[in-house]
Amino acid sequence: MRFKMIQVSTDLRMQRLSEVLIKEGESFEQALKRFTRKVQQDGLLSEAKRRQHYEPPSVKRKRKADARARKARKARAKLAAQGL
């Protein structure tokens, strides 16, 4: 017996869905755990939180610049740890 679980979307157009099919003999708790893991991996919750309020272009640019700086800093630290 197979059932479809809840489908989650971040916007009204239903572009990105996460879906989990309950396997034969699988408990609801196990299927729910797989579903929450899949939603987390797909980044649906973080995107929904980010879209909850309007983000001006200047704030978006600053957020992306901070992310680039963090990534570069992490790469430099990794190279320094390797001795290069």
N, C-alpha and C. Protein backbone atom coordinates (compact mmCIF):
# COMPACT_ATOMS: atom_id res chain seq x y z
N MET A 1 0.84 -1.18 0.00
CA MET A 1 0.00 0.00 0.00
C MET A 1 0.89 1.24 0.00
N ARG A 2 0.66 2.15 -0.92
CA ARG A 2 1.48 3.35 -1.02
C ARG A 2 0.58 4.57 -0.93
N PHE A 3 1.02 5.54 -0.14
CA PHE A 3 0.29 6.79 0.01
C PHE A 3 1.22 7.93 -0.30
N LYS A 4 0.70 8.99 -0.85
CA LYS A 4 1.48 10.20 -1.04
C LYS A 4 1.37 11.03 0.21
N MET A 5 2.50 11.58 0.63
CA MET A 5 2.48 12.48 1.77
C MET A 5 2.29 13.90 1.29
N ILE A 6 2.35 14.81 2.19
CA ILE A 6 2.14 16.23 1.93
C ILE A 6 3.11 16.74 0.88
N GLN A 7 2.64 17.62 0.03
CA GLN A 7 3.50 18.30 -0.92
C GLN A 7 3.64 19.74 -0.46
N VAL A 8 4.88 20.25 -0.41
CA VAL A 8 5.16 21.59 0.08
C VAL A 8 5.69 22.44 -1.06
N SER A 9 5.23 23.66 -1.15
CA SER A 9 5.71 24.58 -2.17
C SER A 9 6.05 25.90 -1.53
N THR A 10 7.03 26.61 -2.11
CA THR A 10 7.44 27.89 -1.56
C THR A 10 6.68 29.05 -2.17
N ASP A 11 6.03 28.83 -3.31
CA ASP A 11 5.29 29.93 -3.93
C ASP A 11 4.00 29.40 -4.51
N LEU A 12 3.19 30.29 -5.02
CA LEU A 12 1.87 29.92 -5.50
C LEU A 12 1.90 29.12 -6.80
N ARG A 13 2.98 29.19 -7.55
CA ARG A 13 3.05 28.49 -8.83
C ARG A 13 3.39 27.01 -8.65
N MET A 14 3.70 26.58 -7.44
CA MET A 14 3.98 25.17 -7.15
C MET A 14 5.14 24.65 -8.01
N GLN A 15 6.23 25.38 -8.07
CA GLN A 15 7.36 24.98 -8.90
C GLN A 15 8.20 23.89 -8.24
N ARG A 16 8.49 24.03 -6.96
CA ARG A 16 9.36 23.08 -6.28
C ARG A 16 8.56 22.32 -5.25
N LEU A 17 8.47 21.02 -5.42
CA LEU A 17 7.70 20.19 -4.50
C LEU A 17 8.60 19.14 -3.87
N SER A 18 8.30 18.82 -2.64
CA SER A 18 8.96 17.70 -1.98
C SER A 18 7.89 16.65 -1.72
N GLU A 19 8.19 15.44 -2.10
CA GLU A 19 7.20 14.39 -2.00
C GLU A 19 7.87 13.12 -1.50
N VAL A 20 7.19 12.41 -0.62
CA VAL A 20 7.70 11.15 -0.08
C VAL A 20 6.59 10.13 -0.17
N LEU A 21 6.90 8.98 -0.72
CA LEU A 21 5.93 7.90 -0.78
C LEU A 21 6.15 6.97 0.40
N ILE A 22 5.08 6.64 1.09
CA ILE A 22 5.18 5.75 2.24
C ILE A 22 5.30 4.32 1.71
N LYS A 23 6.35 3.64 2.15
CA LYS A 23 6.63 2.29 1.67
C LYS A 23 5.78 1.28 2.44
N GLU A 24 5.68 0.11 1.89
CA GLU A 24 4.93 -0.97 2.51
C GLU A 24 5.53 -1.31 3.87
N GLY A 25 4.74 -1.30 4.91
CA GLY A 25 5.21 -1.65 6.24
C GLY A 25 5.98 -0.54 6.95
N GLU A 26 6.08 0.65 6.35
CA GLU A 26 6.81 1.76 6.97
C GLU A 26 5.87 2.54 7.87
N SER A 27 6.35 2.90 9.05
CA SER A 27 5.51 3.66 9.96
C SER A 27 5.41 5.11 9.52
N PHE A 28 4.38 5.77 9.98
CA PHE A 28 4.17 7.17 9.63
C PHE A 28 5.31 8.03 10.16
N GLU A 29 5.83 7.72 11.34
CA GLU A 29 6.91 8.49 11.93
C GLU A 29 8.17 8.43 11.07
N GLN A 30 8.49 7.25 10.54
CA GLN A 30 9.66 7.11 9.69
C GLN A 30 9.48 7.90 8.39
N ALA A 31 8.28 7.83 7.82
CA ALA A 31 8.02 8.57 6.58
C ALA A 31 8.07 10.07 6.83
N LEU A 32 7.56 10.51 7.97
CA LEU A 32 7.60 11.94 8.31
C LEU A 32 9.04 12.40 8.49
N LYS A 33 9.87 11.56 9.09
CA LYS A 33 11.28 11.90 9.27
C LYS A 33 11.98 12.02 7.91
N ARG A 34 11.69 11.09 6.98
CA ARG A 34 12.26 11.18 5.64
C ARG A 34 11.79 12.44 4.93
N PHE A 35 10.51 12.77 5.12
CA PHE A 35 9.96 13.96 4.47
C PHE A 35 10.63 15.23 4.98
N THR A 36 10.79 15.35 6.30
CA THR A 36 11.42 16.55 6.85
C THR A 36 12.88 16.65 6.40
N ARG A 37 13.57 15.52 6.30
CA ARG A 37 14.95 15.53 5.82
C ARG A 37 15.01 15.99 4.36
N LYS A 38 14.07 15.52 3.54
CA LYS A 38 14.04 15.90 2.13
C LYS A 38 13.72 17.39 1.97
N VAL A 39 12.80 17.90 2.76
CA VAL A 39 12.47 19.33 2.72
C VAL A 39 13.68 20.15 3.12
N GLN A 40 14.42 19.69 4.14
CA GLN A 40 15.62 20.40 4.59
C GLN A 40 16.69 20.40 3.49
N GLN A 41 16.88 19.25 2.84
CA GLN A 41 17.88 19.15 1.78
C GLN A 41 17.52 20.00 0.57
N ASP A 42 16.23 20.09 0.27
CA ASP A 42 15.78 20.90 -0.86
C ASP A 42 15.85 22.39 -0.56
N GLY A 43 16.00 22.76 0.71
CA GLY A 43 16.12 24.16 1.08
C GLY A 43 14.80 24.91 1.06
N LEU A 44 13.70 24.21 1.15
CA LEU A 44 12.39 24.86 1.08
C LEU A 44 12.10 25.74 2.28
N LEU A 45 12.46 25.28 3.47
CA LEU A 45 12.17 26.08 4.67
C LEU A 45 13.00 27.35 4.71
N SER A 46 14.27 27.24 4.37
CA SER A 46 15.12 28.44 4.40
C SER A 46 14.66 29.44 3.35
N GLU A 47 14.24 28.94 2.19
CA GLU A 47 13.75 29.85 1.15
C GLU A 47 12.43 30.50 1.55
N ALA A 48 11.57 29.73 2.19
CA ALA A 48 10.29 30.29 2.65
C ALA A 48 10.53 31.37 3.71
N LYS A 49 11.46 31.13 4.62
CA LYS A 49 11.79 32.14 5.63
C LYS A 49 12.37 33.39 4.98
N ARG A 50 13.21 33.18 3.97
CA ARG A 50 13.83 34.31 3.29
C ARG A 50 12.79 35.13 2.54
N ARG A 51 11.79 34.48 1.98
CA ARG A 51 10.76 35.18 1.21
C ARG A 51 9.61 35.69 2.07
N GLN A 52 9.67 35.45 3.36
CA GLN A 52 8.58 35.85 4.24
C GLN A 52 8.38 37.37 4.23
N HIS A 53 9.46 38.11 4.13
CA HIS A 53 9.39 39.57 4.08
C HIS A 53 10.17 40.04 2.85
N TYR A 54 9.77 41.19 2.32
CA TYR A 54 10.44 41.74 1.15
C TYR A 54 11.88 42.11 1.50
N GLU A 55 12.80 41.75 0.60
CA GLU A 55 14.21 42.06 0.79
C GLU A 55 14.63 43.04 -0.31
N PRO A 56 14.97 44.28 0.05
CA PRO A 56 15.38 45.25 -0.96
C PRO A 56 16.65 44.78 -1.68
N PRO A 57 16.84 45.23 -2.92
CA PRO A 57 18.02 44.82 -3.69
C PRO A 57 19.34 45.14 -2.98
N SER A 58 19.40 46.25 -2.26
CA SER A 58 20.65 46.59 -1.56
C SER A 58 20.96 45.58 -0.47
N VAL A 59 19.95 45.13 0.25
CA VAL A 59 20.15 44.13 1.31
C VAL A 59 20.54 42.79 0.69
N LYS A 60 19.92 42.46 -0.45
CA LYS A 60 20.23 41.20 -1.14
C LYS A 60 21.69 41.20 -1.59
N ARG A 61 22.16 42.34 -2.16
CA ARG A 61 23.56 42.43 -2.60
C ARG A 61 24.50 42.28 -1.41
N LYS A 62 24.17 42.93 -0.29
CA LYS A 62 25.02 42.85 0.91
C LYS A 62 25.07 41.42 1.44
N ARG A 63 23.93 40.74 1.45
CA ARG A 63 23.88 39.35 1.93
C ARG A 63 24.76 38.46 1.05
N LYS A 64 24.67 38.65 -0.28
CA LYS A 64 25.47 37.83 -1.19
C LYS A 64 26.95 38.16 -1.07
N ALA A 65 27.28 39.44 -0.88
CA ALA A 65 28.69 39.82 -0.71
C ALA A 65 29.25 39.22 0.57
N ASP A 66 28.47 39.24 1.64
CA ASP A 66 28.91 38.63 2.90
C ASP A 66 29.14 37.13 2.72
N ALA A 67 28.26 36.48 1.97
CA ALA A 67 28.42 35.04 1.73
C ALA A 67 29.69 34.76 0.94
N ARG A 68 29.97 35.60 -0.08
CA ARG A 68 31.20 35.43 -0.86
C ARG A 68 32.43 35.63 0.02
N ALA A 69 32.40 36.64 0.90
CA ALA A 69 33.53 36.90 1.79
C ALA A 69 33.74 35.73 2.75
N ARG A 70 32.64 35.18 3.28
CA ARG A 70 32.74 34.02 4.17
C ARG A 70 33.35 32.83 3.44
N LYS A 71 32.91 32.61 2.21
CA LYS A 71 33.42 31.49 1.44
C LYS A 71 34.91 31.66 1.13
N ALA A 72 35.32 32.88 0.79
CA ALA A 72 36.73 33.15 0.49
C ALA A 72 37.58 32.99 1.75
N ARG A 73 37.08 33.47 2.89
CA ARG A 73 37.80 33.36 4.16
C ARG A 73 37.98 31.89 4.53
N LYS A 74 36.93 31.10 4.31
CA LYS A 74 37.00 29.68 4.61
C LYS A 74 38.02 28.98 3.71
N ALA A 75 38.05 29.35 2.43
CA ALA A 75 39.00 28.75 1.49
C ALA A 75 40.44 29.12 1.88
N ARG A 76 40.66 30.39 2.28
CA ARG A 76 42.01 30.80 2.70
C ARG A 76 42.43 30.04 3.95
N ALA A 77 41.53 29.85 4.88
CA ALA A 77 41.85 29.12 6.11
C ALA A 77 42.18 27.66 5.80
N LYS A 78 41.46 27.09 4.85
CA LYS A 78 41.72 25.70 4.48
C LYS A 78 43.10 25.56 3.82
N LEU A 79 43.46 26.52 2.97
CA LEU A 79 44.78 26.49 2.36
C LEU A 79 45.88 26.70 3.39
N ALA A 80 45.65 27.59 4.35
CA ALA A 80 46.64 27.84 5.39
C ALA A 80 46.83 26.59 6.26
N ALA A 81 45.75 25.87 6.50
CA ALA A 81 45.84 24.65 7.30
C ALA A 81 46.63 23.56 6.58
N GLN A 82 46.56 23.59 5.26
CA GLN A 82 47.31 22.60 4.48
C GLN A 82 48.76 23.01 4.29
N GLY A 83 49.09 24.23 4.66
CA GLY A 83 50.46 24.70 4.56
C GLY A 83 50.83 25.32 3.23
N LEU A 84 49.84 25.73 2.45
CA LEU A 84 50.10 26.34 1.14
C LEU A 84 50.02 27.83 1.20
